[in-house]
């Protein structure tokens, strides 16, 4: 069973704007940890590439774009995320970590930097960053012709607050004069850490914490716990689905001990 998606209304709004030809070239999704910002970005990116999307923002699941998305290997979708340089294993860019990235997203669209650092098998003492080399690689990718008939490319930047200053300055040039058909989607927990010139080039959308009622309802459906337990976990989660799910899982483990 797929994990629940809590921002259907917002996705439907973005889908309506897209059908009206009002697709922002740069969009920044902001909000607390665990609210599903990355999940929303992934769904919207899939919608933009789908040949036969629905009015509420869902995709057909059958067109070439949707088939590429199932493997998280769409040739016109470029992921940018913090990495830890590993000279020993010759891993320095996002492309070097794509297998781990795809595996993580395939398991759950809810994640954070701590989980991602462990997934990279990197020392927790090293701060993952998005280095200047990444913007150079991105510029080369965007100079190539799009693979799909729509001509649209998506650049999904997860945690742009981790941009190295040199990378942020180079990225700014792409945001100021984006290649035709390119849409930048940023997902951030700390927008104030992003340099102002980058923030000013994108449209900001703030996602609120998930309501306690919504969390409790989905916990019952997703885990099968009783309503009282779900409501207690939802109250303690402060609007975060991963926290609520972790609390329920920990309770079940304690019961079995």
Protein backbone atom coordinates (compact mmCIF):
# COMPACT_ATOMS: atom_id res chain seq x y z
CA UNK A 1 0.00 0.00 0.00
CA UNK A 2 1.38 3.40 -1.00
CA UNK A 3 1.91 6.00 1.71
CA UNK A 4 -0.81 8.67 1.85
CA UNK A 5 -0.63 11.95 -0.01
CA UNK A 6 -1.98 14.93 1.95
CA UNK A 7 -1.95 17.79 -0.56
CA UNK A 8 -4.50 16.78 -3.18
CA UNK A 9 -6.14 20.22 -3.18
CA UNK A 10 -2.84 21.97 -3.85
CA UNK A 11 -1.90 19.49 -6.57
CA UNK A 12 -5.29 20.04 -8.20
CA UNK A 13 -4.72 23.81 -8.11
CA UNK A 14 -1.32 23.47 -9.76
CA UNK A 15 -2.84 21.13 -12.35
CA UNK A 16 -5.54 23.69 -13.15
CA UNK A 17 -2.93 26.40 -13.62
CA UNK A 18 -0.93 24.09 -15.90
CA UNK A 19 -3.98 23.38 -18.07
CA UNK A 20 -4.47 27.13 -18.36
CA UNK A 21 -0.90 27.54 -19.54
CA UNK A 22 0.28 29.09 -16.27
CA UNK A 23 3.21 26.85 -15.34
CA UNK A 24 5.73 28.71 -13.20
CA UNK A 25 9.29 28.36 -14.47
CA UNK A 26 10.46 28.21 -10.87
CA UNK A 27 8.49 26.90 -7.90
CA UNK A 28 9.71 26.61 -4.30
CA UNK A 29 7.76 24.31 -1.96
CA UNK A 30 8.43 25.20 1.66
CA UNK A 31 7.29 23.65 4.91
CA UNK A 32 8.23 21.75 8.06
CA UNK A 33 9.82 18.31 7.92
CA UNK A 34 7.41 15.48 7.23
CA UNK A 35 4.68 17.46 5.50
CA UNK A 36 5.15 15.84 2.09
CA UNK A 37 6.86 18.61 0.12
CA UNK A 38 8.96 16.19 -1.91
CA UNK A 39 5.92 13.97 -2.50
CA UNK A 40 4.03 16.96 -3.93
CA UNK A 41 6.97 17.94 -6.15
CA UNK A 42 7.22 14.39 -7.52
CA UNK A 43 3.50 14.21 -8.25
CA UNK A 44 3.45 17.60 -9.94
CA UNK A 45 6.51 16.72 -12.03
CA UNK A 46 4.81 13.51 -13.15
CA UNK A 47 1.67 15.45 -14.01
CA UNK A 48 3.57 17.93 -16.18
CA UNK A 49 5.03 15.11 -18.27
CA UNK A 50 1.94 12.92 -18.57
CA UNK A 51 0.22 12.69 -21.97
CA UNK A 52 -3.23 12.03 -20.49
CA UNK A 53 -3.43 13.54 -16.97
CA UNK A 54 -6.67 13.87 -15.02
CA UNK A 55 -8.22 17.16 -13.95
CA UNK A 56 -7.26 16.64 -10.31
CA UNK A 57 -3.55 16.25 -11.00
CA UNK A 58 -3.22 12.48 -11.29
CA UNK A 59 -1.46 10.74 -14.18
CA UNK A 60 -2.56 8.06 -16.63
CA UNK A 61 0.17 5.57 -15.72
CA UNK A 62 0.38 4.30 -19.30
CA UNK A 63 2.09 6.91 -21.48
CA UNK A 64 5.87 6.86 -22.11
CA UNK A 65 6.45 9.57 -19.49
CA UNK A 66 4.58 7.61 -16.82
CA UNK A 67 6.49 4.44 -17.67
CA UNK A 68 9.78 6.30 -17.29
CA UNK A 69 8.60 7.66 -13.95
CA UNK A 70 7.89 4.19 -12.59
CA UNK A 71 11.63 3.56 -12.62
CA UNK A 72 12.41 7.15 -11.57
CA UNK A 73 14.50 7.31 -14.70
CA UNK A 74 12.79 9.91 -16.87
CA UNK A 75 15.38 11.31 -19.32
CA UNK A 76 13.90 14.82 -19.05
CA UNK A 77 13.82 14.91 -15.24
CA UNK A 78 17.02 15.90 -13.47
CA UNK A 79 17.42 15.44 -9.73
CA UNK A 80 19.72 17.69 -7.73
CA UNK A 81 20.33 16.89 -4.05
CA UNK A 82 23.04 17.19 -1.39
CA UNK A 83 25.87 14.67 -1.59
CA UNK A 84 28.99 13.81 0.34
CA UNK A 85 32.17 13.80 -1.71
CA UNK A 86 33.77 10.37 -1.53
CA UNK A 87 37.10 10.43 -3.36
CA UNK A 88 37.87 6.83 -2.43
CA UNK A 89 34.76 5.55 -4.19
CA UNK A 90 34.93 8.28 -6.85
CA UNK A 91 31.52 9.70 -5.95
CA UNK A 92 31.26 13.48 -6.25
CA UNK A 93 27.99 14.36 -8.01
CA UNK A 94 24.31 13.48 -7.84
CA UNK A 95 24.64 11.13 -10.81
CA UNK A 96 27.10 9.05 -8.76
CA UNK A 97 24.39 8.53 -6.12
CA UNK A 98 21.36 8.03 -8.39
CA UNK A 99 20.92 4.31 -7.58
CA UNK A 100 20.66 5.07 -3.85
CA UNK A 101 18.41 8.06 -4.52
CA UNK A 102 16.00 6.06 -6.67
CA UNK A 103 15.92 3.25 -4.14
CA UNK A 104 15.12 5.66 -1.31
CA UNK A 105 12.30 7.38 -3.21
CA UNK A 106 10.96 4.01 -4.32
CA UNK A 107 10.64 2.96 -0.70
CA UNK A 108 9.07 6.18 0.54
CA UNK A 109 8.52 9.73 -0.75
CA UNK A 110 8.96 10.97 2.83
CA UNK A 111 12.61 11.40 3.81
CA UNK A 112 15.06 13.85 5.35
CA UNK A 113 18.74 14.73 5.20
CA UNK A 114 19.68 12.41 8.07
CA UNK A 115 18.12 9.40 6.35
CA UNK A 116 19.69 10.35 3.05
CA UNK A 117 23.15 10.69 4.61
CA UNK A 118 22.85 7.17 6.03
CA UNK A 119 21.68 5.93 2.64
CA UNK A 120 24.84 7.32 1.05
CA UNK A 121 26.83 5.33 3.61
CA UNK A 122 28.60 8.55 4.50
CA UNK A 123 30.01 9.80 7.77
CA UNK A 124 27.45 11.79 9.75
CA UNK A 125 30.28 14.20 10.59
CA UNK A 126 30.42 15.36 6.97
CA UNK A 127 27.81 17.89 5.87
CA UNK A 128 26.25 16.97 2.52
CA UNK A 129 26.27 19.84 0.02
CA UNK A 130 25.30 20.62 -3.55
CA UNK A 131 28.62 21.57 -5.12
CA UNK A 132 29.45 23.92 -8.00
CA UNK A 133 30.21 21.00 -10.27
CA UNK A 134 26.52 20.08 -10.08
CA UNK A 135 25.39 23.33 -11.71
CA UNK A 136 27.92 22.79 -14.50
CA UNK A 137 26.57 19.27 -15.08
CA UNK A 138 23.00 20.57 -15.04
CA UNK A 139 23.77 23.27 -17.61
CA UNK A 140 25.17 20.58 -19.94
CA UNK A 141 22.09 18.39 -19.51
CA UNK A 142 19.71 21.26 -20.23
CA UNK A 143 21.61 22.17 -23.38
CA UNK A 144 20.55 18.85 -24.93
CA UNK A 145 17.29 18.33 -26.77
CA UNK A 146 14.41 17.04 -24.67
CA UNK A 147 13.47 13.38 -25.18
CA UNK A 148 9.70 13.79 -24.88
CA UNK A 149 7.41 15.32 -27.47
CA UNK A 150 6.31 18.04 -25.04
CA UNK A 151 9.84 19.45 -24.93
CA UNK A 152 9.46 20.06 -21.20
CA UNK A 153 12.28 19.37 -18.75
CA UNK A 154 12.02 19.23 -14.96
CA UNK A 155 14.81 20.09 -12.55
CA UNK A 156 13.89 18.96 -9.04
CA UNK A 157 16.22 20.43 -6.43
CA UNK A 158 15.84 18.82 -3.02
CA UNK A 159 17.07 20.95 -0.09
CA UNK A 160 18.47 23.94 -2.00
CA UNK A 161 19.52 25.37 1.37
CA UNK A 162 22.48 23.00 0.99
CA UNK A 163 23.69 24.76 -2.15
CA UNK A 164 27.35 25.71 -2.00
CA UNK A 165 27.65 29.45 -2.63
CA UNK A 166 29.50 28.90 -5.91
CA UNK A 167 26.79 26.49 -7.06
CA UNK A 168 24.01 28.89 -6.06
CA UNK A 169 25.57 31.69 -8.08
CA UNK A 170 25.88 29.48 -11.17
CA UNK A 171 22.34 28.17 -10.70
CA UNK A 172 21.11 31.76 -10.61
CA UNK A 173 22.10 32.19 -14.25
CA UNK A 174 19.96 29.22 -15.24
CA UNK A 175 17.01 30.57 -13.24
CA UNK A 176 17.34 34.01 -14.83
CA UNK A 177 17.41 32.61 -18.35
CA UNK A 178 16.00 29.08 -18.14
CA UNK A 179 16.25 26.92 -21.24
CA UNK A 180 12.95 26.75 -23.09
CA UNK A 181 10.44 24.36 -21.53
CA UNK A 182 12.40 23.95 -18.28
CA UNK A 183 10.62 23.98 -14.93
CA UNK A 184 12.58 24.25 -11.68
CA UNK A 185 10.97 22.65 -8.60
CA UNK A 186 12.68 23.34 -5.28
CA UNK A 187 11.84 21.55 -2.04
CA UNK A 188 13.08 23.25 1.12
CA UNK A 189 12.74 23.19 4.88
CA UNK A 190 14.79 26.32 5.47
CA UNK A 191 14.11 28.84 2.68
CA UNK A 192 15.80 31.62 4.66
CA UNK A 193 19.15 29.86 4.13
CA UNK A 194 18.83 30.15 0.36
CA UNK A 195 20.48 33.24 -1.09
CA UNK A 196 17.92 36.03 -1.73
CA UNK A 197 18.69 36.29 -5.45
CA UNK A 198 17.72 32.63 -5.94
CA UNK A 199 14.60 32.95 -3.78
CA UNK A 200 13.46 35.97 -5.77
CA UNK A 201 13.51 33.99 -9.03
CA UNK A 202 10.97 31.38 -7.94
CA UNK A 203 7.35 31.36 -6.84
CA UNK A 204 7.03 30.34 -3.20
CA UNK A 205 4.32 28.01 -1.86
CA UNK A 206 4.18 27.28 1.87
CA UNK A 207 2.80 23.91 2.88
CA UNK A 208 1.15 23.83 6.32
CA UNK A 209 1.65 20.99 8.81
CA UNK A 210 -0.70 18.09 8.19
CA UNK A 211 -3.80 18.31 10.39
CA UNK A 212 -4.14 15.94 13.33
CA UNK A 213 -7.43 14.66 11.93
CA UNK A 214 -5.88 13.79 8.56
CA UNK A 215 -2.92 12.06 10.16
CA UNK A 216 -5.12 9.97 12.44
CA UNK A 217 -7.41 8.93 9.59
CA UNK A 218 -4.54 7.81 7.37
CA UNK A 219 -2.78 6.00 10.23
CA UNK A 220 -5.84 3.83 10.72
CA UNK A 221 -6.03 3.04 7.00
CA UNK A 222 -2.30 2.54 6.47
CA UNK A 223 -1.34 0.62 9.63
CA UNK A 224 -4.61 -0.82 10.91
CA UNK A 225 -4.16 0.58 14.44
CA UNK A 226 -7.25 1.53 16.43
CA UNK A 227 -8.63 5.05 16.35
CA UNK A 228 -7.49 6.01 19.86
CA UNK A 229 -3.89 4.98 19.19
CA UNK A 230 -3.91 6.77 15.85
CA UNK A 231 -5.25 9.99 17.37
CA UNK A 232 -2.64 9.94 20.13
CA UNK A 233 0.20 9.43 17.65
CA UNK A 234 -1.19 12.15 15.39
CA UNK A 235 -1.32 14.69 18.23
CA UNK A 236 2.29 14.04 19.17
CA UNK A 237 3.50 14.19 15.55
CA UNK A 238 3.00 17.96 15.19
CA UNK A 239 1.88 17.66 11.57
CA UNK A 240 4.53 15.19 10.41
CA UNK A 241 3.51 11.92 8.76
CA UNK A 242 6.88 10.14 9.36
CA UNK A 243 6.77 11.07 13.06
CA UNK A 244 3.21 9.78 13.41
CA UNK A 245 4.06 6.56 11.58
CA UNK A 246 7.20 6.05 13.66
CA UNK A 247 5.28 6.53 16.89
CA UNK A 248 2.69 3.93 15.92
CA UNK A 249 5.38 1.49 14.78
CA UNK A 250 7.33 1.91 18.04
CA UNK A 251 4.15 1.27 20.05
CA UNK A 252 3.48 -1.94 18.15
CA UNK A 253 7.06 -3.14 18.72
CA UNK A 254 6.77 -2.45 22.46
CA UNK A 255 3.54 -4.44 22.62
CA UNK A 256 5.23 -7.44 21.04
CA UNK A 257 8.16 -7.40 23.50
